[in-house]
C-alpha atoms as a PDB file:
ATOM      1  CA  MET A   1      13.354  24.602   9.450  1.00  0.00           C
ATOM      2  CA  PRO A   2      15.500  24.121   6.115  1.00  0.00           C
ATOM      3  CA  LYS A   3      14.455  23.987   2.653  1.00  0.00           C
ATOM      4  CA  LEU A   4      12.169  21.034   1.088  1.00  0.00           C
ATOM      5  CA  VAL A   5      14.441  19.292  -1.942  1.00  0.00           C
ATOM      6  CA  SER A   6      11.602  20.554  -4.871  1.00  0.00           C
ATOM      7  CA  ILE A   7       9.105  18.228  -6.367  1.00  0.00           C
ATOM      8  CA  GLY A   8      11.746  17.758  -9.561  1.00  0.00           C
ATOM      9  CA  GLU A   9      14.140  17.083  -7.812  1.00  0.00           C
ATOM     10  CA  ILE A  10      12.614  14.074  -6.183  1.00  0.00           C
ATOM     11  CA  ILE A  11      11.731  12.531  -9.018  1.00  0.00           C
ATOM     12  CA  ASP A  12      14.843  13.125 -11.363  1.00  0.00           C
ATOM     13  CA  ARG A  13      16.890  12.291  -8.069  1.00  0.00           C
ATOM     14  CA  SER A  14      14.447   8.881  -7.454  1.00  0.00           C
ATOM     15  CA  TRP A  15      15.275   8.052 -10.864  1.00  0.00           C
ATOM     16  CA  GLU A  16      18.346   8.324 -10.888  1.00  0.00           C
ATOM     17  CA  SER A  17      19.052   5.600  -8.180  1.00  0.00           C
ATOM     18  CA  TYR A  18      16.507   3.465  -8.960  1.00  0.00           C
ATOM     19  CA  ARG A  19      18.191   3.388 -12.269  1.00  0.00           C
ATOM     20  CA  SER A  20      21.566   2.661 -10.738  1.00  0.00           C
ATOM     21  CA  SER A  21      20.769   0.266  -8.644  1.00  0.00           C
ATOM     22  CA  PHE A  22      17.707  -1.562  -9.879  1.00  0.00           C
ATOM     23  CA  VAL A  23      19.716  -4.894  -9.091  1.00  0.00           C
ATOM     24  CA  ASP A  24      19.654  -4.495  -6.008  1.00  0.00           C
ATOM     25  CA  PHE A  25      15.840  -3.399  -5.725  1.00  0.00           C
ATOM     26  CA  MET A  26      14.823  -5.548  -7.818  1.00  0.00           C
ATOM     27  CA  SER A  27      16.635  -8.361  -5.194  1.00  0.00           C
ATOM     28  CA  VAL A  28      14.591  -6.913  -2.562  1.00  0.00           C
ATOM     29  CA  SER A  29      10.797  -5.717  -4.210  1.00  0.00           C
ATOM     30  CA  GLY A  30      10.622  -9.178  -6.734  1.00  0.00           C
ATOM     31  CA  TRP A  31      10.241 -10.855  -2.957  1.00  0.00           C
ATOM     32  CA  MET A  32       5.921  -9.430  -3.575  1.00  0.00           C
ATOM     33  CA  LEU A  33       6.262 -12.035  -7.088  1.00  0.00           C
ATOM     34  CA  VAL A  34       5.767 -15.137  -3.977  1.00  0.00           C
ATOM     35  CA  VAL A  35       2.436 -13.921  -4.041  1.00  0.00           C
ATOM     36  CA  ALA A  36       1.688 -13.139  -7.139  1.00  0.00           C
ATOM     37  CA  LEU A  37       3.139 -16.837  -7.558  1.00  0.00           C
ATOM     38  CA  LEU A  38       0.562 -18.347  -4.770  1.00  0.00           C
ATOM     39  CA  ASP A  39      -2.510 -16.124  -6.540  1.00  0.00           C
ATOM     40  CA  VAL A  40      -1.396 -18.111  -9.736  1.00  0.00           C
ATOM     41  CA  ILE A  41      -1.635 -22.156  -8.079  1.00  0.00           C
ATOM     42  CA  ALA A  42      -4.007 -21.232  -5.931  1.00  0.00           C
ATOM     43  CA  LEU A  43      -6.228 -19.211  -8.983  1.00  0.00           C
ATOM     44  CA  ALA A  44      -5.594 -23.003 -10.543  1.00  0.00           C
ATOM     45  CA  PHE A  45      -7.652 -24.461  -9.206  1.00  0.00           C
ATOM     46  CA  TYR A  46      -9.954 -21.763  -7.732  1.00  0.00           C
ATOM     47  CA  PRO A  47     -13.751 -22.778  -8.083  1.00  0.00           C
ATOM     48  CA  THR A  48     -15.716 -20.955 -11.318  1.00  0.00           C
ATOM     49  CA  ALA A  49     -17.871 -18.169 -10.723  1.00  0.00           C
ATOM     50  CA  THR A  50     -21.574 -20.032 -11.317  1.00  0.00           C
ATOM     51  CA  LYS A  51     -19.917 -23.106  -8.515  1.00  0.00           C
ATOM     52  CA  LEU A  52     -19.525 -20.337  -6.170  1.00  0.00           C
ATOM     53  CA  VAL A  53     -22.634 -18.838  -6.795  1.00  0.00           C
ATOM     54  CA  SER A  54     -24.833 -22.137  -6.869  1.00  0.00           C
ATOM     55  CA  GLY A  55     -23.612 -23.049  -3.253  1.00  0.00           C
ATOM     56  CA  ALA A  56     -22.553 -26.415  -5.030  1.00  0.00           C
ATOM     57  CA  PRO A  57     -19.407 -28.655  -3.202  1.00  0.00           C
ATOM     58  CA  LEU A  58     -16.157 -27.805  -3.851  1.00  0.00           C
ATOM     59  CA  THR A  59     -13.904 -30.671  -4.877  1.00  0.00           C
ATOM     60  CA  ALA A  60     -10.773 -31.174  -2.078  1.00  0.00           C
ATOM     61  CA  LEU A  61      -8.308 -29.443  -4.958  1.00  0.00           C
ATOM     62  CA  GLU A  62     -10.906 -26.459  -4.824  1.00  0.00           C
ATOM     63  CA  GLY A  63     -11.486 -25.464  -1.456  1.00  0.00           C
ATOM     64  CA  ALA A  64      -7.905 -26.159  -1.129  1.00  0.00           C
ATOM     65  CA  GLY A  65      -7.080 -23.217  -4.191  1.00  0.00           C
ATOM     66  CA  THR A  66      -9.655 -20.948  -2.050  1.00  0.00           C
ATOM     67  CA  ALA A  67      -8.321 -21.459   1.084  1.00  0.00           C
ATOM     68  CA  LEU A  68      -4.765 -20.990  -1.011  1.00  0.00           C
ATOM     69  CA  PHE A  69      -5.894 -17.739  -2.622  1.00  0.00           C
ATOM     70  CA  TRP A  70      -7.058 -16.211   1.138  1.00  0.00           C
ATOM     71  CA  ILE A  71      -4.090 -17.019   2.993  1.00  0.00           C
ATOM     72  CA  ALA A  72      -2.225 -15.772  -0.122  1.00  0.00           C
ATOM     73  CA  ASN A  73      -3.414 -12.768   0.686  1.00  0.00           C
ATOM     74  CA  ALA A  74      -4.484 -12.500   3.993  1.00  0.00           C
ATOM     75  CA  VAL A  75      -1.494 -13.989   6.010  1.00  0.00           C
ATOM     76  CA  VAL A  76       1.721 -14.170   3.156  1.00  0.00           C
ATOM     77  CA  ALA A  77       1.378 -10.101   1.335  1.00  0.00           C
ATOM     78  CA  PRO A  78       1.139  -8.110   4.176  1.00  0.00           C
ATOM     79  CA  VAL A  79       4.398 -10.267   5.833  1.00  0.00           C
ATOM     80  CA  LEU A  80       6.272  -9.949   2.913  1.00  0.00           C
ATOM     81  CA  GLY A  81       5.162  -5.991   2.888  1.00  0.00           C
ATOM     82  CA  VAL A  82       6.327  -5.071   5.862  1.00  0.00           C
ATOM     83  CA  TRP A  83       9.541  -7.083   5.084  1.00  0.00           C
ATOM     84  CA  THR A  84      10.195  -5.824   1.927  1.00  0.00           C
ATOM     85  CA  PHE A  85       9.288  -2.201   2.593  1.00  0.00           C
ATOM     86  CA  LEU A  86      11.685  -2.318   5.439  1.00  0.00           C
ATOM     87  CA  ALA A  87      14.989  -3.741   3.746  1.00  0.00           C
ATOM     88  CA  MET A  88      13.354  -1.323   0.886  1.00  0.00           C
ATOM     89  CA  ALA A  89      13.782   2.079   3.580  1.00  0.00           C
ATOM     90  CA  ARG A  90      17.149   1.370   5.060  1.00  0.00           C
ATOM     91  CA  LEU A  91      18.347   0.361   0.707  1.00  0.00           C
ATOM     92  CA  ALA A  92      17.647   3.625  -0.392  1.00  0.00           C
ATOM     93  CA  ASP A  93      18.054   6.121   2.766  1.00  0.00           C
ATOM     94  CA  ALA A  94      22.148   4.163   2.869  1.00  0.00           C
ATOM     95  CA  LYS A  95      22.559   4.187  -1.447  1.00  0.00           C
ATOM     96  CA  LEU A  96      21.278   8.750  -0.545  1.00  0.00           C
ATOM     97  CA  SER A  97      24.247   8.885   2.181  1.00  0.00           C
ATOM     98  CA  GLY A  98      26.229   7.704  -0.459  1.00  0.00           C
ATOM     99  CA  ARG A  99      26.504   4.337   3.073  1.00  0.00           C
ATOM    100  CA  ARG A 100      27.221   0.858   1.374  1.00  0.00           C
ATOM    101  CA  LEU A 101      24.782  -1.799   2.633  1.00  0.00           C
ATOM    102  CA  ASP A 102      24.087  -5.643   0.519  1.00  0.00           C
ATOM    103  CA  VAL A 103      20.710  -6.401   0.221  1.00  0.00           C
ATOM    104  CA  LYS A 104      21.220  -9.518   1.980  1.00  0.00           C
ATOM    105  CA  THR A 105      22.250  -7.277   5.713  1.00  0.00           C
ATOM    106  CA  ALA A 106      18.390  -5.662   5.169  1.00  0.00           C
ATOM    107  CA  LEU A 107      17.312  -8.367   4.081  1.00  0.00           C
ATOM    108  CA  ARG A 108      18.518  -9.809   7.197  1.00  0.00           C
ATOM    109  CA  ASP A 109      17.898  -6.718   9.333  1.00  0.00           C
ATOM    110  CA  ALA A 110      14.175  -6.200   8.166  1.00  0.00           C
ATOM    111  CA  TRP A 111      13.226  -9.477   9.809  1.00  0.00           C
ATOM    112  CA  LYS A 112      14.931  -8.150  13.137  1.00  0.00           C
ATOM    113  CA  SER A 113      12.557  -5.900  12.792  1.00  0.00           C
ATOM    114  CA  PHE A 114       9.515  -7.130  11.800  1.00  0.00           C
ATOM    115  CA  TRP A 115       7.439  -6.667  14.697  1.00  0.00           C
ATOM    116  CA  GLY A 116       8.114  -2.897  15.430  1.00  0.00           C
ATOM    117  CA  ALA A 117       7.055  -2.036  12.121  1.00  0.00           C
ATOM    118  CA  ALA A 118       3.943  -3.920  12.378  1.00  0.00           C
ATOM    119  CA  LEU A 119       3.781  -2.186  15.062  1.00  0.00           C
ATOM    120  CA  VAL A 120       3.704   1.374  13.734  1.00  0.00           C
ATOM    121  CA  SER A 121       1.397   0.099  11.192  1.00  0.00           C
ATOM    122  CA  VAL A 122      -1.249  -0.977  13.389  1.00  0.00           C
ATOM    123  CA  LEU A 123      -0.914   2.713  15.528  1.00  0.00           C
ATOM    124  CA  VAL A 124      -1.031   4.598  12.141  1.00  0.00           C
ATOM    125  CA  PHE A 125      -3.597   2.027  10.868  1.00  0.00           C
ATOM    126  CA  LEU A 126      -5.572   3.238  14.597  1.00  0.00           C
ATOM    127  CA  VAL A 127      -5.149   6.470  13.878  1.00  0.00           C
ATOM    128  CA  MET A 128      -6.409   6.986  10.632  1.00  0.00           C
ATOM    129  CA  LEU A 129      -9.364   4.948  12.262  1.00  0.00           C
ATOM    130  CA  GLY A 130      -9.510   6.919  14.691  1.00  0.00           C
ATOM    131  CA  ALA A 131     -10.282  10.269  11.938  1.00  0.00           C
ATOM    132  CA  LEU A 132     -12.980   8.262  10.367  1.00  0.00           C
ATOM    133  CA  ALA A 133     -14.425   7.841  13.883  1.00  0.00           C
ATOM    134  CA  ILE A 134     -14.640  11.370  15.380  1.00  0.00           C
ATOM    135  CA  GLY A 135     -15.963  12.209  11.828  1.00  0.00           C
ATOM    136  CA  ILE A 136     -19.251   8.989  11.428  1.00  0.00           C
ATOM    137  CA  VAL A 137     -19.362   8.298  15.416  1.00  0.00           C
ATOM    138  CA  PRO A 138     -21.560  11.533  16.749  1.00  0.00           C
ATOM    139  CA  GLY A 139     -23.957  11.991  14.074  1.00  0.00           C
ATOM    140  CA  MET A 140     -24.427   7.356  13.853  1.00  0.00           C
ATOM    141  CA  ILE A 141     -25.177   7.626  17.294  1.00  0.00           C
ATOM    142  CA  LEU A 142     -27.985  10.578  17.115  1.00  0.00           C
ATOM    143  CA  THR A 143     -29.073   8.612  13.843  1.00  0.00           C
ATOM    144  CA  VAL A 144     -29.924   5.448  16.300  1.00  0.00           C
ATOM    145  CA  ILE A 145     -31.599   7.651  18.582  1.00  0.00           C
ATOM    146  CA  ALA A 146     -33.707  10.087  16.571  1.00  0.00           C
ATOM    147  CA  THR A 147     -35.023   6.548  15.220  1.00  0.00           C
ATOM    148  CA  ALA A 148     -35.574   4.890  18.404  1.00  0.00           C
ATOM    149  CA  THR A 149     -37.787   8.943  19.403  1.00  0.00           C
ATOM    150  CA  LYS A 150     -39.319   9.615  16.060  1.00  0.00           C
ATOM    151  CA  LEU A 151     -38.058  12.603  16.679  1.00  0.00           C
ATOM    152  CA  GLY A 152     -38.203  14.863  13.921  1.00  0.00           C
ATOM    153  CA  ALA A 153     -36.176  17.358  14.388  1.00  0.00           C
ATOM    154  CA  LEU A 154     -33.948  15.454  15.823  1.00  0.00           C
ATOM    155  CA  THR A 155     -33.754  13.277  12.455  1.00  0.00           C
ATOM    156  CA  ALA A 156     -33.303  16.042  10.360  1.00  0.00           C
ATOM    157  CA  LEU A 157     -30.166  17.639  12.653  1.00  0.00           C
ATOM    158  CA  ALA A 158     -28.728  13.610  13.422  1.00  0.00           C
ATOM    159  CA  ASN A 159     -28.726  14.155   9.261  1.00  0.00           C
ATOM    160  CA  VAL A 160     -26.930  17.124   9.261  1.00  0.00           C
ATOM    161  CA  LEU A 161     -24.559  15.603  11.235  1.00  0.00           C
ATOM    162  CA  LEU A 162     -23.763  12.844   9.490  1.00  0.00           C
ATOM    163  CA  VAL A 163     -22.912  15.196   6.469  1.00  0.00           C
ATOM    164  CA  ALA A 164     -21.209  17.556   8.485  1.00  0.00           C
ATOM    165  CA  GLY A 165     -19.528  14.432  10.028  1.00  0.00           C
ATOM    166  CA  VAL A 166     -18.185  12.945   7.545  1.00  0.00           C
ATOM    167  CA  VAL A 167     -16.674  16.251   6.015  1.00  0.00           C
ATOM    168  CA  VAL A 168     -15.139  16.057   8.888  1.00  0.00           C
ATOM    169  CA  ALA A 169     -14.234  12.737   9.159  1.00  0.00           C
ATOM    170  CA  ALA A 170     -12.309  14.029   5.330  1.00  0.00           C
ATOM    171  CA  VAL A 171     -10.147  16.164   6.892  1.00  0.00           C
ATOM    172  CA  LEU A 172      -8.891  14.654   9.560  1.00  0.00           C
ATOM    173  CA  THR A 173      -8.074  11.607   6.963  1.00  0.00           C
ATOM    174  CA  VAL A 174      -6.003  13.961   4.614  1.00  0.00           C
ATOM    175  CA  ARG A 175      -4.218  15.770   7.541  1.00  0.00           C
ATOM    176  CA  TRP A 176      -3.159  12.855   9.660  1.00  0.00           C
ATOM    177  CA  ALA A 177      -2.427  10.638   6.963  1.00  0.00           C
ATOM    178  CA  VAL A 178       0.187  13.001   6.005  1.00  0.00           C
ATOM    179  CA  ALA A 179       1.351  14.047   9.458  1.00  0.00           C
ATOM    180  CA  TYR A 180       1.979  10.066  10.116  1.00  0.00           C
ATOM    181  CA  ALA A 181       3.030   9.488   6.940  1.00  0.00           C
ATOM    182  CA  PHE A 182       6.581   8.708   7.459  1.00  0.00           C
ATOM    183  CA  SER A 183       5.928   6.717  10.905  1.00  0.00           C
ATOM    184  CA  THR A 184       6.959   4.291   9.286  1.00  0.00           C
ATOM    185  CA  TYR A 185      10.385   6.067   7.523  1.00  0.00           C
ATOM    186  CA  ALA A 186      11.173   6.801  11.022  1.00  0.00           C
ATOM    187  CA  PHE A 187      10.959   3.278  12.391  1.00  0.00           C
ATOM    188  CA  ALA A 188      12.658   1.918   9.313  1.00  0.00           C
ATOM    189  CA  ILE A 189      15.315   4.573   9.204  1.00  0.00           C
ATOM    190  CA  ASP A 190      15.660   5.488  12.017  1.00  0.00           C
ATOM    191  CA  GLY A 191      14.620   3.533  14.678  1.00  0.00           C
ATOM    192  CA  ALA A 192      12.058   4.974  16.356  1.00  0.00           C
ATOM    193  CA  ARG A 193       9.921   2.562  18.611  1.00  0.00           C
ATOM    194  CA  ALA A 194       5.984   2.674  18.705  1.00  0.00           C
ATOM    195  CA  LYS A 195       4.325   5.784  19.228  1.00  0.00           C
ATOM    196  CA  ALA A 196       7.899   7.357  18.999  1.00  0.00           C
ATOM    197  CA  ALA A 197       7.589   7.119  15.221  1.00  0.00           C
ATOM    198  CA  LEU A 198       4.908   9.131  15.067  1.00  0.00           C
ATOM    199  CA  THR A 199       5.778  11.380  17.529  1.00  0.00           C
ATOM    200  CA  ALA A 200       8.428  11.780  14.869  1.00  0.00           C
ATOM    201  CA  SER A 201       6.525  11.955  12.140  1.00  0.00           C
ATOM    202  CA  ARG A 202       3.886  14.743  13.068  1.00  0.00           C
ATOM    203  CA  SER A 203       6.901  16.878  14.578  1.00  0.00           C
ATOM    204  CA  LEU A 204       9.014  16.781  11.155  1.00  0.00           C
ATOM    205  CA  VAL A 205       5.333  17.791   9.140  1.00  0.00           C
ATOM    206  CA  THR A 206       3.165  20.836  11.748  1.00  0.00           C
ATOM    207  CA  GLY A 207       4.032  24.011   9.283  1.00  0.00           C
ATOM    208  CA  ARG A 208       4.516  22.460   6.258  1.00  0.00           C
ATOM    209  CA  PHE A 209       1.323  20.191   5.805  1.00  0.00           C
ATOM    210  CA  TRP A 210       1.202  21.889   1.977  1.00  0.00           C
ATOM    211  CA  PRO A 211       5.005  21.329   0.449  1.00  0.00           C
ATOM    212  CA  VAL A 212       4.801  17.968   1.896  1.00  0.00           C
ATOM    213  CA  LEU A 213       0.984  17.089   0.918  1.00  0.00           C
ATOM    214  CA  VAL A 214       2.385  18.295  -2.709  1.00  0.00           C
ATOM    215  CA  ARG A 215       5.839  16.578  -2.595  1.00  0.00           C
ATOM    216  CA  ILE A 216       4.253  13.158  -1.617  1.00  0.00           C
ATOM    217  CA  LEU A 217       0.346  13.201  -3.618  1.00  0.00           C
ATOM    218  CA  ILE A 218       2.676  14.548  -6.769  1.00  0.00           C
ATOM    219  CA  PRO A 219       5.760  12.381  -7.005  1.00  0.00           C
ATOM    220  CA  ASN A 220       4.129   9.031  -6.070  1.00  0.00           C
ATOM    221  CA  ALA A 221       0.829   9.465  -8.373  1.00  0.00           C
ATOM    222  CA  VAL A 222       3.942   9.868 -11.322  1.00  0.00           C
ATOM    223  CA  PHE A 223       4.933   6.549 -10.183  1.00  0.00           C
ATOM    224  CA  ILE A 224       2.200   5.314 -10.177  1.00  0.00           C
ATOM    225  CA  VAL A 225       0.767   6.221 -13.705  1.00  0.00           C
ATOM    226  CA  VAL A 226       3.774   4.081 -15.010  1.00  0.00           C
ATOM    227  CA  GLY A 227       3.132   1.316 -12.991  1.00  0.00           C
ATOM    228  CA  ILE A 228      -0.250   1.239 -13.957  1.00  0.00           C
ATOM    229  CA  VAL A 229       0.983   2.352 -18.045  1.00  0.00           C
ATOM    230  CA  VAL A 230       3.578  -0.209 -16.977  1.00  0.00           C
ATOM    231  CA  GLY A 231       0.538  -3.437 -16.317  1.00  0.00           C
ATOM    232  CA  ALA A 232      -1.740  -2.289 -19.130  1.00  0.00           C
ATOM    233  CA  VAL A 233       0.754  -2.912 -22.086  1.00  0.00           C
ATOM    234  CA  LEU A 234       1.095  -6.605 -20.263  1.00  0.00           C
ATOM    235  CA  ALA A 235      -2.239  -7.156 -19.693  1.00  0.00           C
ATOM    236  CA  VAL A 236      -3.034  -6.529 -23.862  1.00  0.00           C
ATOM    237  CA  VAL A 237      -0.504  -8.541 -24.076  1.00  0.00           C
ATOM    238  CA  ALA A 238      -0.954 -11.591 -22.387  1.00  0.00           C
ATOM    239  CA  GLY A 239      -4.421 -11.055 -23.615  1.00  0.00           C
ATOM    240  CA  MET A 240      -3.175 -11.579 -26.945  1.00  0.00           C
ATOM    241  CA  ALA A 241      -1.343 -14.287 -26.082  1.00  0.00           C
ATOM    242  CA  VAL A 242      -4.442 -16.399 -23.845  1.00  0.00           C
ATOM    243  CA  SER A 243      -6.337 -15.774 -26.290  1.00  0.00           C
ATOM    244  CA  ALA A 244      -4.340 -17.712 -28.982  1.00  0.00           C
ATOM    245  CA  ALA A 245      -3.351 -20.700 -26.842  1.00  0.00           C
ATOM    246  CA  ALA A 246      -6.812 -20.766 -25.374  1.00  0.00           C
ATOM    247  CA  GLY A 247      -8.555 -21.024 -29.151  1.00  0.00           C
ATOM    248  CA  LEU A 248     -12.118 -21.698 -28.794  1.00  0.00           C
ATOM    249  CA  ASN A 249     -12.197 -22.692 -25.420  1.00  0.00           C
ATOM    250  CA  ALA A 250     -14.021 -20.185 -23.151  1.00  0.00           C
ATOM    251  CA  ASP A 251     -13.621 -22.062 -19.882  1.00  0.00           C
ATOM    252  CA  VAL A 252      -9.966 -22.505 -20.438  1.00  0.00           C
ATOM    253  CA  GLN A 253      -9.555 -18.468 -21.468  1.00  0.00           C
ATOM    254  CA  VAL A 254     -11.429 -17.261 -18.102  1.00  0.00           C
ATOM    255  CA  ARG A 255      -8.916 -19.042 -15.740  1.00  0.00           C
ATOM    256  CA  LEU A 256      -6.039 -17.691 -17.994  1.00  0.00           C
ATOM    257  CA  VAL A 257      -7.324 -14.370 -18.028  1.00  0.00           C
ATOM    258  CA  THR A 258      -8.090 -15.091 -14.193  1.00  0.00           C
ATOM    259  CA  ILE A 259      -4.546 -15.791 -13.647  1.00  0.00           C
ATOM    260  CA  THR A 260      -2.548 -13.142 -15.808  1.00  0.00           C
ATOM    261  CA  ASP A 261      -4.902 -10.306 -13.948  1.00  0.00           C
ATOM    262  CA  SER A 262      -3.532 -10.738 -11.573  1.00  0.00           C
ATOM    263  CA  ILE A 263       0.235 -11.370 -12.591  1.00  0.00           C
ATOM    264  CA  PHE A 264       0.851  -8.605 -14.244  1.00  0.00           C
ATOM    265  CA  PRO A 265      -0.335  -5.457 -11.246  1.00  0.00           C
ATOM    266  CA  ALA A 266       1.344  -7.582  -9.080  1.00  0.00           C
ATOM    267  CA  VAL A 267       4.403  -7.610 -11.441  1.00  0.00           C
ATOM    268  CA  ALA A 268       4.123  -3.947 -11.818  1.00  0.00           C
ATOM    269  CA  ALA A 269       4.063  -3.486  -8.283  1.00  0.00           C
ATOM    270  CA  VAL A 270       6.871  -5.259  -7.965  1.00  0.00           C
ATOM    271  CA  LEU A 271       8.982  -2.602 -10.513  1.00  0.00           C
ATOM    272  CA  VAL A 272       7.459   0.768  -9.184  1.00  0.00           C
ATOM    273  CA  ASN A 273       8.237   0.561  -5.117  1.00  0.00           C
ATOM    274  CA  PRO A 274      10.768   1.288  -4.891  1.00  0.00           C
ATOM    275  CA  ALA A 275      10.655   4.297  -6.798  1.00  0.00           C
ATOM    276  CA  ILE A 276       7.533   5.182  -4.478  1.00  0.00           C
ATOM    277  CA  VAL A 277       9.472   4.487  -1.729  1.00  0.00           C
ATOM    278  CA  LEU A 278      12.956   6.007  -2.997  1.00  0.00           C
ATOM    279  CA  ALA A 279      10.702   9.105  -3.136  1.00  0.00           C
ATOM    280  CA  ASN A 280       9.205   9.100   0.310  1.00  0.00           C
ATOM    281  CA  VAL A 281      13.198   9.402   1.577  1.00  0.00           C
ATOM    282  CA  ILE A 282      13.990  11.461  -0.763  1.00  0.00           C
ATOM    283  CA  VAL A 283      11.196  13.576   1.187  1.00  0.00           C
ATOM    284  CA  TYR A 284      11.714  12.216   4.456  1.00  0.00           C
ATOM    285  CA  ARG A 285      15.440  13.236   4.732  1.00  0.00           C
ATOM    286  CA  SER A 286      14.921  17.013   3.026  1.00  0.00           C
ATOM    287  CA  LEU A 287      11.763  16.919   6.560  1.00  0.00           C
ATOM    288  CA  LYS A 288      14.966  16.104   8.544  1.00  0.00           C
ATOM    289  CA  GLY A 289      17.547  19.124   6.602  1.00  0.00           C
ATOM    290  CA  GLN A 290      19.528  15.718   5.178  1.00  0.00           C
END
């Protein structure tokens, strides 16, 4: 069993690769800004909260804005997310192994592998859903039976089973999240298909749950905190600019704030995502002894 890379080395190597290949990673990650752009267009025509709550009929433009916002976040965002992840994972692996891989090739090949990656993602989601079901469903079934029969003892047992089920679901969710965390990386980097990708990830993590957990959790948390700080700074600057530009017009100000609130988290995510992918690829390679 190969010795795992240290947490400090994960962060250092991620940052060094990120810094040296910043333009390449932004050329991939930046595609997620398409979602932010669509959100801006949609929110420009989006109905006010008052109108939505009152149930007043929407104009054609307001209806289009609502539809575009839904399409951008429910359809475009997942598609671009899978595509850019595949390209970034392969680009990160190439950079770390010293191989040459240009951005255009990475993006083109990622499109070809899109459905395979989507299938792996769905399988992982179903596994996580199964973890919740194993813990919670038995208690829910017993609760329904207890309610129907109105037996006090059965109700008490159902409550105990529900509490125990929540604990079991939480434990299974964490354990399986770590066990299958590298399924999409196994597909993106090594071409493991469908169930084989999940099996590959689980076999790498087996017997090393805690070491792997901290090596995923800490570097990812560091980069996420950086992203939150960057997003917060951008939001403060944007808020000041919006206040100055909108003047006393409250409606314009609210709409501009809503738009900026959707843009800057996206910008922060675009900046941080490559570092997170790099960190996870480093751990994945270390688990394989590379």
